[in-house]
Protein backbone atom coordinates (compact mmCIF):
# COMPACT_ATOMS: atom_id res chain seq x y z
CA MET A 1 297.21 -136.95 5.66
CA ASN A 2 294.78 -139.68 4.66
CA LEU A 3 292.51 -138.95 1.69
CA LEU A 4 289.29 -140.80 0.91
CA ILE A 5 288.90 -140.54 -2.87
CA THR A 6 285.48 -141.48 -4.23
CA GLY A 7 285.15 -142.25 -7.93
CA ALA A 8 288.79 -143.36 -7.84
CA ASN A 9 288.51 -145.40 -11.06
CA GLY A 10 287.66 -142.36 -13.18
CA GLN A 11 289.94 -139.98 -15.06
CA LEU A 12 290.41 -137.52 -12.21
CA GLY A 13 290.37 -140.14 -9.48
CA GLY A 14 293.13 -142.03 -11.23
CA GLU A 15 295.29 -138.92 -11.44
CA LEU A 16 294.74 -138.18 -7.76
CA MET A 17 295.80 -141.72 -6.91
CA ARG A 18 298.91 -141.36 -9.04
CA GLN A 19 299.99 -137.99 -7.67
CA SER A 20 298.98 -138.22 -4.00
CA PRO A 21 301.92 -140.22 -2.60
CA GLY A 22 304.46 -137.84 -4.11
CA ARG A 23 302.68 -134.93 -2.45
CA GLY A 24 302.78 -136.51 1.00
CA PHE A 25 299.24 -137.93 1.06
CA SER A 26 297.97 -141.45 1.70
CA PRO A 27 295.07 -142.07 -0.71
CA PHE A 28 292.30 -144.56 -0.02
CA PRO A 29 290.42 -145.28 -3.28
CA VAL A 30 286.75 -146.31 -3.41
CA ASP A 31 284.39 -146.79 -6.34
CA LEU A 32 281.47 -148.87 -7.55
CA PRO A 33 280.44 -151.59 -7.08
CA GLU A 34 282.07 -151.97 -3.65
CA VAL A 35 281.27 -148.44 -2.44
CA ASP A 36 278.17 -146.51 -3.47
CA ILE A 37 278.31 -142.85 -2.39
CA THR A 38 274.51 -142.80 -2.04
CA CYS A 39 274.67 -145.48 0.69
CA PRO A 40 275.46 -144.02 4.15
CA ASP A 41 276.69 -147.36 5.51
CA HIS A 42 279.16 -147.69 2.64
CA ILE A 43 280.56 -144.21 3.26
CA ARG A 44 280.78 -144.59 7.03
CA THR A 45 282.67 -147.84 6.58
CA ALA A 46 285.02 -146.24 4.05
CA VAL A 47 285.68 -143.23 6.29
CA GLU A 48 286.45 -145.51 9.21
CA ALA A 49 288.68 -147.83 7.15
CA SER A 50 290.60 -144.97 5.55
CA ARG A 51 290.89 -142.91 8.73
CA ALA A 52 290.44 -140.01 6.36
CA SER A 53 291.16 -136.41 7.27
CA LEU A 54 289.73 -135.20 3.96
CA VAL A 55 287.24 -136.56 1.42
CA ILE A 56 287.60 -135.78 -2.29
CA ASN A 57 284.46 -136.58 -4.26
CA CYS A 58 285.19 -137.39 -7.90
CA ALA A 59 282.22 -139.76 -8.26
CA ALA A 60 279.60 -138.56 -10.73
CA PHE A 61 277.11 -139.55 -13.41
CA THR A 62 278.86 -137.79 -16.30
CA GLN A 63 277.10 -139.19 -19.39
CA VAL A 64 275.47 -135.90 -20.35
CA ASP A 65 273.18 -137.20 -23.09
CA MET A 66 272.30 -140.42 -21.28
CA ALA A 67 271.18 -138.39 -18.28
CA GLU A 68 268.27 -137.00 -20.31
CA SER A 69 266.64 -140.45 -20.31
CA ARG A 70 268.00 -141.52 -16.90
CA GLU A 71 267.19 -138.50 -14.79
CA MET A 72 266.70 -140.40 -11.54
CA ASP A 73 270.07 -142.12 -11.90
CA ALA A 74 271.80 -138.79 -12.52
CA LEU A 75 270.05 -137.16 -9.57
CA LYS A 76 270.91 -140.08 -7.32
CA VAL A 77 274.64 -139.96 -8.01
CA ASN A 78 275.10 -136.22 -8.54
CA SER A 79 272.72 -134.87 -5.89
CA LEU A 80 271.91 -137.55 -3.30
CA GLY A 81 275.52 -138.79 -3.24
CA PRO A 82 276.99 -135.39 -2.29
CA ALA A 83 274.28 -135.03 0.37
CA VAL A 84 275.24 -138.35 1.94
CA LEU A 85 278.93 -137.46 1.85
CA SER A 86 278.26 -134.03 3.35
CA HIS A 87 276.18 -135.41 6.24
CA ILE A 88 278.84 -137.96 7.17
CA CYS A 89 281.68 -135.47 6.77
CA CYS A 90 279.74 -133.13 9.06
CA GLU A 91 279.29 -135.91 11.63
CA GLU A 92 282.98 -136.82 11.50
CA ARG A 93 284.20 -133.19 11.27
CA ILE A 94 285.99 -133.88 7.99
CA PRO A 95 286.16 -131.33 5.14
CA LEU A 96 285.07 -132.22 1.61
CA ILE A 97 286.39 -131.23 -1.80
CA HIS A 98 283.54 -131.78 -4.26
CA ILE A 99 284.04 -131.65 -8.03
CA SER A 100 281.42 -129.89 -10.14
CA THR A 101 281.04 -128.62 -13.69
CA ASP A 102 280.63 -125.70 -16.09
CA PHE A 103 277.30 -127.24 -17.10
CA VAL A 104 275.64 -125.53 -14.11
CA PHE A 105 275.62 -122.38 -16.30
CA ASP A 106 273.36 -121.58 -19.26
CA GLY A 107 276.11 -120.27 -21.56
CA ASN A 108 274.49 -116.90 -22.27
CA ARG A 109 277.47 -114.83 -21.07
CA LYS A 110 280.13 -113.47 -23.40
CA GLU A 111 282.92 -113.56 -20.82
CA PRO A 112 284.13 -116.25 -18.38
CA TYR A 113 281.78 -117.18 -15.57
CA ARG A 114 282.68 -116.17 -12.04
CA GLU A 115 281.86 -118.24 -8.97
CA SER A 116 279.27 -115.65 -7.90
CA ASP A 117 277.31 -115.83 -11.16
CA PRO A 118 273.89 -117.48 -10.80
CA VAL A 119 273.55 -121.06 -11.98
CA ALA A 120 270.98 -121.84 -14.68
CA PRO A 121 271.60 -125.34 -16.05
CA LEU A 122 270.14 -126.38 -19.40
CA SER A 123 270.33 -130.17 -19.06
CA VAL A 124 269.45 -132.93 -16.61
CA TYR A 125 273.15 -133.43 -15.98
CA GLY A 126 273.65 -129.73 -15.25
CA ARG A 127 270.62 -129.60 -12.94
CA SER A 128 271.76 -132.67 -11.03
CA LYS A 129 275.22 -131.17 -10.51
CA ALA A 130 273.76 -127.80 -9.46
CA LEU A 131 271.60 -129.58 -6.87
CA GLY A 132 274.68 -131.43 -5.67
CA GLU A 133 276.46 -128.13 -5.11
CA ALA A 134 273.47 -126.75 -3.23
CA VAL A 135 273.25 -129.65 -0.78
CA VAL A 136 276.98 -129.52 -0.03
CA GLU A 137 276.74 -125.79 0.67
CA LYS A 138 273.71 -126.27 2.89
CA ILE A 139 274.94 -129.24 4.93
CA LEU A 140 278.71 -128.88 5.32
CA PRO A 141 280.41 -125.58 6.25
CA ARG A 142 283.95 -126.87 5.58
CA HIS A 143 283.76 -127.55 1.87
CA VAL A 144 285.43 -126.61 -1.39
CA ILE A 145 283.27 -126.99 -4.50
CA LEU A 146 285.57 -127.01 -7.50
CA ARG A 147 283.98 -126.47 -10.91
CA THR A 148 285.90 -127.57 -13.97
CA SER A 149 285.26 -128.03 -17.70
CA TRP A 150 286.03 -130.14 -20.78
CA LEU A 151 288.02 -132.68 -18.76
CA TYR A 152 290.36 -135.15 -20.45
CA ALA A 153 293.10 -137.50 -19.26
CA LEU A 154 295.69 -139.94 -20.48
CA HIS A 155 293.33 -142.82 -19.72
CA GLY A 156 289.57 -143.21 -19.91
CA ALA A 157 286.98 -142.21 -22.49
CA ASN A 158 287.36 -138.56 -23.42
CA PHE A 159 287.31 -136.10 -26.33
CA VAL A 160 291.05 -136.20 -26.97
CA ARG A 161 291.18 -139.95 -27.36
CA THR A 162 288.09 -139.92 -29.56
CA ILE A 163 289.51 -137.30 -31.94
CA LEU A 164 292.84 -139.12 -32.17
CA ARG A 165 291.05 -142.35 -33.06
CA LEU A 166 288.87 -140.64 -35.67
CA GLY A 167 291.90 -138.96 -37.21
CA MET A 168 293.53 -142.34 -37.64
CA GLU A 169 290.44 -144.16 -38.92
CA ARG A 170 288.32 -141.72 -40.95
CA ASP A 171 288.67 -139.59 -44.05
CA SER A 172 286.90 -136.67 -42.39
CA VAL A 173 286.23 -135.37 -38.88
CA ARG A 174 283.38 -132.93 -38.15
CA VAL A 175 283.18 -130.97 -34.87
CA VAL A 176 280.94 -128.14 -33.67
CA ALA A 177 282.52 -124.70 -33.93
CA ASP A 178 279.89 -122.63 -32.12
CA GLN A 179 280.39 -123.84 -28.55
CA TRP A 180 283.23 -122.35 -26.50
CA GLY A 181 284.93 -123.36 -23.27
CA CYS A 182 288.20 -124.29 -21.56
CA PRO A 183 289.84 -127.72 -21.96
CA THR A 184 291.19 -129.10 -18.69
CA CYS A 185 293.80 -131.80 -18.26
CA ALA A 186 292.96 -134.15 -15.37
CA ALA A 187 296.60 -134.17 -14.28
CA ASP A 188 296.51 -130.38 -13.88
CA LEU A 189 293.20 -130.50 -12.02
CA ALA A 190 294.51 -133.20 -9.67
CA ASP A 191 297.56 -131.05 -8.95
CA ALA A 192 295.27 -128.13 -8.08
CA ILE A 193 293.14 -130.30 -5.80
CA LEU A 194 296.18 -131.58 -3.95
CA THR A 195 297.43 -128.02 -3.51
CA ILE A 196 294.13 -127.19 -1.81
CA ALA A 197 294.45 -130.38 0.25
CA ALA A 198 297.93 -129.26 1.33
CA HIS A 199 296.49 -125.94 2.54
CA ILE A 200 293.96 -127.86 4.61
CA ARG A 201 296.58 -130.32 5.91
CA ASP A 202 299.03 -127.62 6.87
CA LYS A 203 296.32 -125.72 8.72
CA GLN A 204 296.73 -122.69 6.52
CA GLU A 205 293.72 -120.40 6.50
CA VAL A 206 291.16 -121.79 4.06
CA ALA A 207 288.36 -119.71 2.57
CA TRP A 208 285.74 -122.42 2.10
CA GLY A 209 283.32 -122.15 -0.80
CA VAL A 210 283.09 -122.41 -4.59
CA TYR A 211 286.11 -122.15 -6.90
CA HIS A 212 286.82 -122.58 -10.61
CA TYR A 213 289.73 -124.42 -12.21
CA CYS A 214 290.21 -125.08 -15.92
CA GLY A 215 292.89 -124.82 -18.58
CA ASP A 216 293.99 -121.30 -19.44
CA GLY A 217 292.43 -120.11 -22.70
CA VAL A 218 289.00 -120.10 -24.34
CA ILE A 219 288.46 -122.07 -27.57
CA SER A 220 285.74 -123.86 -29.52
CA TRP A 221 285.35 -127.62 -29.70
CA HIS A 222 286.45 -127.35 -33.34
CA GLU A 223 289.65 -125.51 -32.40
CA PHE A 224 290.29 -128.10 -29.70
CA ALA A 225 289.89 -130.98 -32.16
CA GLN A 226 292.09 -129.31 -34.77
CA ALA A 227 294.82 -128.73 -32.18
CA ILE A 228 294.71 -132.42 -31.22
CA LEU A 229 295.27 -133.52 -34.80
CA ASP A 230 297.90 -130.85 -35.42
CA ILE A 231 299.94 -132.14 -32.47
CA ALA A 232 299.41 -135.80 -33.37
CA GLY A 233 300.21 -135.25 -37.06
CA LYS A 234 303.77 -134.29 -36.16
CA MET A 235 304.25 -137.62 -34.42
CA VAL A 236 302.29 -140.28 -36.34
CA PRO A 237 300.61 -140.69 -39.74
CA LEU A 238 296.94 -139.72 -39.75
CA LYS A 239 294.22 -140.62 -42.23
CA THR A 240 292.97 -137.05 -41.98
CA SER A 241 294.49 -133.99 -40.35
CA HIS A 242 291.64 -131.58 -41.10
CA VAL A 243 288.62 -130.94 -38.91
CA GLU A 244 285.50 -129.62 -40.63
CA PRO A 245 283.64 -126.98 -38.61
CA ILE A 246 279.90 -127.53 -38.19
CA THR A 247 277.11 -125.89 -36.20
CA THR A 248 275.30 -127.24 -33.16
CA GLU A 249 272.20 -127.59 -35.33
CA GLN A 250 274.13 -129.92 -37.64
CA TYR A 251 275.05 -132.16 -34.69
CA PRO A 252 271.92 -132.45 -32.53
CA THR A 253 272.23 -134.16 -29.15
CA PRO A 254 269.63 -135.19 -26.52
CA ALA A 255 271.08 -132.74 -23.98
CA LYS A 256 271.32 -129.02 -24.60
CA ARG A 257 274.81 -127.65 -23.98
CA PRO A 258 275.87 -124.15 -22.95
CA VAL A 259 277.15 -122.18 -25.94
CA TYR A 260 279.79 -120.44 -23.83
CA SER A 261 280.99 -122.01 -20.58
CA ALA A 262 284.47 -120.59 -19.97
CA LEU A 263 285.33 -120.27 -16.28
CA ASP A 264 287.07 -117.36 -14.58
CA CYS A 265 289.86 -118.77 -12.36
CA THR A 266 290.91 -115.55 -10.61
CA LYS A 267 289.52 -116.62 -7.23
CA ILE A 268 291.55 -119.84 -6.99
CA GLN A 269 294.70 -117.90 -7.90
CA THR A 270 294.04 -115.41 -5.11
CA GLY A 271 292.88 -117.94 -2.53
CA PHE A 272 295.36 -120.78 -3.08
CA GLY A 273 298.07 -119.43 -5.39
CA ILE A 274 296.96 -121.88 -8.10
CA HIS A 275 297.59 -120.69 -11.66
CA PRO A 276 295.96 -122.71 -14.46
CA LYS A 277 298.30 -124.00 -17.15
CA PRO A 278 297.86 -123.01 -20.80
CA TRP A 279 295.50 -125.53 -22.42
CA ARG A 280 297.75 -126.10 -25.44
CA GLU A 281 300.79 -126.96 -23.31
CA SER A 282 298.89 -129.57 -21.30
CA LEU A 283 297.22 -130.98 -24.41
CA LYS A 284 300.58 -131.42 -26.15
CA ASN A 285 301.95 -133.35 -23.17
CA THR A 286 298.91 -135.63 -22.98
CA VAL A 287 298.76 -136.37 -26.72
CA SER A 288 302.48 -137.13 -26.74
CA GLN A 289 302.05 -139.58 -23.86
CA MET A 290 299.06 -141.24 -25.52
CA LEU A 291 300.93 -141.83 -28.76
CA THR A 292 304.14 -142.88 -27.04
CA GLN A 293 302.29 -145.53 -25.05
CA GLY A 294 300.85 -147.05 -28.19
CA GLY A 295 297.54 -147.87 -29.82
CA ALA A 296 296.10 -149.64 -26.79
CA VAL A 297 295.65 -146.23 -25.18
CA LEU A 298 293.33 -145.17 -28.01
CA SER A 299 291.23 -148.33 -28.21
């Protein structure tokens, strides 16, 4: 099965490229500047060149704070882009797996969000992603919208790499302790996506719609950061191994974040037999790989 993977240079796209051949897929990677998902001609050409039977959209404007001052750019990539992809997939009778985010929720719940819960984004980024979901649902019947959260990977800019670098360079690390969610390893998410792709390829019955996938377990950003340094401290010397808890008010950001954005993953377990991995297990594997590969990974 041929896969057209948009945003292939990102954290998730890279993992999909790495894992696809071993799962029996032929990936065709596209990304900026050669292919812009908001340009119909670019996408039609890519679909034709790839001879794709499935499109996986990992392309997104993910700079949450920057989106507050670049709203049109965020809307273009996160809302117009999915609309263009959906129209062309509809024309070509190709299904789409579209990646979305926990930021479509307002964070006012006290228990993990289900797929059926109403969206109420707090930020430009969240609104742009919610609009992207809406256009996919409206245009393309054969779609899977997969929401995830707190994504990190072996490569690319992410929270894990940042905390590791700070632990090696600074005498103190301060992280908010009053925001909760579910860390997700890109390798695990890619594996889940390819499991869904295999269902589609093998013509198993697919219940199209919205699903959640994230690491198993709900923690705060502070707990996440402390776990990173605890794991790393057993492998390499750190300048500091303690993370100081602070409040959101002590670390103001341009974009408002949901206080609680854990995702309920029951539906994806029932629909596709996909069981999220414990967040700590996946984190330990990733940190170990980062440190084994050397300092260049953290630069």
